[in-house]
Amino acid sequence: MSLTRLNRVIKLALQSLTVTLVLLVVWEFAIEYPLYNWLGWAEASVSIPARWGHVGIAMISAVIAVSVLAVMSLGLMRELKAKDELMRQKEEERTLFAADMAHELRTPLAMMRAHLDLLDNPEAISPLVEDVNRVTRIVEQVLTKSQIENIEVHPGERVDLVKLSSSVAAYLAPLIIREGRSIEVIGAHNPVFVDGNAFGLEQALRNLLENAMKYSARGSTITIEVDESPALRVIDRGRGIPMADRERIFERFHRADRRTGGSGLGLYIVRRVAEAHNAKVSIEDAPGGGAVFILQFAKK
C-alpha cells in the first residue's frame, strides 16, 4: 500500500466516524426523542441529559477507535517511508550505474565509427555503421535520462521556442533527409519565450522528432509548429497512435513496436522534461493521418 492510498484510507475512516456521530445525534434528538415523546412511549422518559450520555459514550468509543487507528497508521507510514527511501536509493544506484556504463561505452563506439569511416567499401560497411549509430544513440539516451531525472528550471532561464525549433531541425535535417523524409518549421515568426531549461527542451524536441522519423512514411514531411500559446507541436504522417496506447508510450522502456529498435527512453525523456517545466504533453490525431505530439506550456 502506498502512502497516498494509506492517507485516503485514514481520511475515509475519519469521515465515516464523523458521519456516524452526526447521525447518532440526529437520531437521538431530532427523530427518536420527539417521536417517542409524541407517541407517549416509555422511551420518552429517557431524559435529554441521559441521551447526551449515550452520545458521549459513542464519542469516547469513536475517539478510542481513532486513536488506535492513528497509532497503527503511524507505524505503517514509517514502514512505508523506509521502504520508499530504500527503493529511491536503489533507483539512484541503478541510474548512476547505467550512466557510468553508458559513459564508458562512448569512447569505444566513437573509435569503432572512426575505423569504419576509414574503410574503402561504404556499401559493405553501411549496416555496421547503422548499428554503431543506433547503439550510440541508445547510449546517449541513457546518459540523457540520468541528466534529466533531476532537471531544474532556474528563475530567469528563458528559451525561445522558435530559435530552439530551428536549431534542432537544422541539426537533424541531414539524418531525416537521408531516411527519405523532409522537415519544416512553421507557426510563429517572432520569438516565443518560455521559462525553461535549454538542454532539457532540446532533448525533448529531438526525441519527438526522432520518434516522428521512426514512424512516419517515407517521402512525408515532419512538421514542427511553434504556437504563441505557447506550445510546440511535432506532426508526423505515420499510422497514428491508438487511444489505448497514448499514456503507455510515455512510460520508461515502453516501445510501441519492438521491430523498430530503440531504448524505449525517448518519450519517457519527453514526459520528464515536460513535468520539470510544468508543461503538459499530449497526443492528437493529425489531419489526414498521423500523430500530433503537443508540448503545451503554462501561460504567463
Foldseek 3Di string as FASTA:
>chain_A
DAPVVLVVVLVVLVVVLVVVLVVLVCCLPVNDLVVCVVVVHPVVVCDPVNSVVVSVVSVVVSVVVNVVVVVVSVVVVVVNVVVVVVVVVVVLVVLVVLLVVLVVVLVVLVVVLVVLVPDDDCVVCVVVNVVSVQVNVQSVLSNLVSVLLPDAQDPPAKDFPQVLVVVLQVVCQVVLVVLQEGEDEDEDPDTQMARADSVLVSLLVNLLVVVLSLFADHNYYWYWYAYNLGKIKIWGAGAADDPVCFVVLLDAQDDPDPVSPHRSRSSVSNVSRLVNQVWDWGWDADVPGTIMIMTGHDDD
